[in-house]
Amino acid sequence: MRTGLKMNVEVDGQQHRDFDGRRRTEDLQRDLMLMANGWKILWFWVYELREDMPSCIDKIRRLWLANAQTANQQESTTR
């Protein structure tokens, strides 16, 4: 059965940095929970989007296509 890609794309900006590390700890806990449930996570800084959006979109596209290829291979082996 094909379940599809579960992808989380995160964009962090300057406000995302904090001095006590609490925000990073919360992010890490959430990311670990998502990954344990089969999610793929891509992280970008806002400046990456601003300075090179096509490259960011390409990273998302490559992950999507790699998942589709893997899913198609799995489907063909179960038939």
C-alpha atoms as a PDB file:
ATOM      1  CA  MET A   1       0.000   0.000   0.000  1.00  0.00           C
ATOM      2  CA  ARG A   2       1.372   3.401  -0.969  1.00  0.00           C
ATOM      3  CA  THR A   3       1.189   5.897   1.844  1.00  0.00           C
ATOM      4  CA  GLY A   4       2.930   8.875   0.258  1.00  0.00           C
ATOM      5  CA  LEU A   5       5.566  11.228   1.468  1.00  0.00           C
ATOM      6  CA  LYS A   6       5.238  12.988   4.778  1.00  0.00           C
ATOM      7  CA  MET A   7       7.440  16.067   4.370  1.00  0.00           C
ATOM      8  CA  ASN A   8       7.943  18.917   6.793  1.00  0.00           C
ATOM      9  CA  VAL A   9       9.654  22.004   5.342  1.00  0.00           C
ATOM     10  CA  GLU A  10      10.880  24.420   7.985  1.00  0.00           C
ATOM     11  CA  VAL A  11      12.091  27.965   7.492  1.00  0.00           C
ATOM     12  CA  ASP A  12      13.875  29.693  10.339  1.00  0.00           C
ATOM     13  CA  GLY A  13      14.774  33.352  10.573  1.00  0.00           C
ATOM     14  CA  GLN A  14      16.829  35.588  12.845  1.00  0.00           C
ATOM     15  CA  GLN A  15      14.068  35.588  15.489  1.00  0.00           C
ATOM     16  CA  HIS A  16      14.494  31.834  15.720  1.00  0.00           C
ATOM     17  CA  ARG A  17      17.781  32.189  17.585  1.00  0.00           C
ATOM     18  CA  ASP A  18      17.515  32.421  21.343  1.00  0.00           C
ATOM     19  CA  PHE A  19      20.187  32.715  23.990  1.00  0.00           C
ATOM     20  CA  ASP A  20      19.149  29.883  26.296  1.00  0.00           C
ATOM     21  CA  GLY A  21      18.760  27.260  23.548  1.00  0.00           C
ATOM     22  CA  ARG A  22      15.156  26.500  24.545  1.00  0.00           C
ATOM     23  CA  ARG A  23      13.803  26.986  21.041  1.00  0.00           C
ATOM     24  CA  ARG A  24      16.429  24.674  19.544  1.00  0.00           C
ATOM     25  CA  THR A  25      15.682  22.020  22.172  1.00  0.00           C
ATOM     26  CA  GLU A  26      11.942  22.223  21.404  1.00  0.00           C
ATOM     27  CA  ASP A  27      12.679  21.978  17.664  1.00  0.00           C
ATOM     28  CA  LEU A  28      14.881  18.939  18.169  1.00  0.00           C
ATOM     29  CA  GLN A  29      12.244  17.160  20.257  1.00  0.00           C
ATOM     30  CA  ARG A  30       9.559  17.850  17.638  1.00  0.00           C
ATOM     31  CA  ASP A  31      11.856  16.806  14.792  1.00  0.00           C
ATOM     32  CA  LEU A  32      12.729  13.525  16.510  1.00  0.00           C
ATOM     33  CA  MET A  33       9.025  12.788  17.046  1.00  0.00           C
ATOM     34  CA  LEU A  34       8.222  13.530  13.402  1.00  0.00           C
ATOM     35  CA  MET A  35      11.122  11.425  12.096  1.00  0.00           C
ATOM     36  CA  ALA A  36      10.081   8.529  14.350  1.00  0.00           C
ATOM     37  CA  ASN A  37       6.693   8.682  12.614  1.00  0.00           C
ATOM     38  CA  GLY A  38       8.155   8.531   9.118  1.00  0.00           C
ATOM     39  CA  TRP A  39       8.397  12.235   8.298  1.00  0.00           C
ATOM     40  CA  LYS A  40      11.209  13.678   6.184  1.00  0.00           C
ATOM     41  CA  ILE A  41      12.329  17.119   7.336  1.00  0.00           C
ATOM     42  CA  LEU A  42      14.020  19.832   5.316  1.00  0.00           C
ATOM     43  CA  TRP A  43      15.410  22.911   7.043  1.00  0.00           C
ATOM     44  CA  PHE A  44      16.116  26.272   5.458  1.00  0.00           C
ATOM     45  CA  TRP A  45      17.184  29.618   6.809  1.00  0.00           C
ATOM     46  CA  VAL A  46      15.129  32.518   5.530  1.00  0.00           C
ATOM     47  CA  TYR A  47      18.239  34.006   3.895  1.00  0.00           C
ATOM     48  CA  GLU A  48      18.590  30.809   1.804  1.00  0.00           C
ATOM     49  CA  LEU A  49      15.115  31.366   0.393  1.00  0.00           C
ATOM     50  CA  ARG A  50      15.799  35.045  -0.187  1.00  0.00           C
ATOM     51  CA  GLU A  51      19.176  34.506  -1.845  1.00  0.00           C
ATOM     52  CA  ASP A  52      18.583  31.281  -3.786  1.00  0.00           C
ATOM     53  CA  MET A  53      14.953  30.187  -3.926  1.00  0.00           C
ATOM     54  CA  PRO A  54      15.487  27.946  -6.992  1.00  0.00           C
ATOM     55  CA  SER A  55      18.039  25.845  -5.096  1.00  0.00           C
ATOM     56  CA  CYS A  56      15.676  25.448  -2.138  1.00  0.00           C
ATOM     57  CA  ILE A  57      12.841  24.381  -4.421  1.00  0.00           C
ATOM     58  CA  ASP A  58      15.200  21.927  -6.109  1.00  0.00           C
ATOM     59  CA  LYS A  59      16.041  20.298  -2.761  1.00  0.00           C
ATOM     60  CA  ILE A  60      12.339  19.843  -2.039  1.00  0.00           C
ATOM     61  CA  ARG A  61      11.722  18.487  -5.548  1.00  0.00           C
ATOM     62  CA  ARG A  62      14.621  16.013  -5.298  1.00  0.00           C
ATOM     63  CA  LEU A  63      13.326  14.637  -1.984  1.00  0.00           C
ATOM     64  CA  TRP A  64       9.833  14.328  -3.469  1.00  0.00           C
ATOM     65  CA  LEU A  65      11.097  12.538  -6.588  1.00  0.00           C
ATOM     66  CA  ALA A  66      13.371  10.216  -4.606  1.00  0.00           C
ATOM     67  CA  ASN A  67      10.396   9.217  -2.463  1.00  0.00           C
ATOM     68  CA  ALA A  68       8.228   8.641  -5.539  1.00  0.00           C
ATOM     69  CA  GLN A  69      10.900   6.437  -7.087  1.00  0.00           C
ATOM     70  CA  THR A  70      11.265   4.410  -3.876  1.00  0.00           C
ATOM     71  CA  ALA A  71       7.485   4.042  -3.591  1.00  0.00           C
ATOM     72  CA  ASN A  72       7.219   2.869  -7.203  1.00  0.00           C
ATOM     73  CA  GLN A  73       9.955   0.287  -6.660  1.00  0.00           C
ATOM     74  CA  GLN A  74       8.202  -0.995  -3.554  1.00  0.00           C
ATOM     75  CA  GLU A  75       4.902  -1.268  -5.422  1.00  0.00           C
ATOM     76  CA  SER A  76       6.473  -3.233  -8.261  1.00  0.00           C
ATOM     77  CA  THR A  77       8.092  -5.731  -5.859  1.00  0.00           C
ATOM     78  CA  THR A  78       4.806  -6.421  -4.069  1.00  0.00           C
ATOM     79  CA  ARG A  79       2.912  -7.250  -7.269  1.00  0.00           C
END
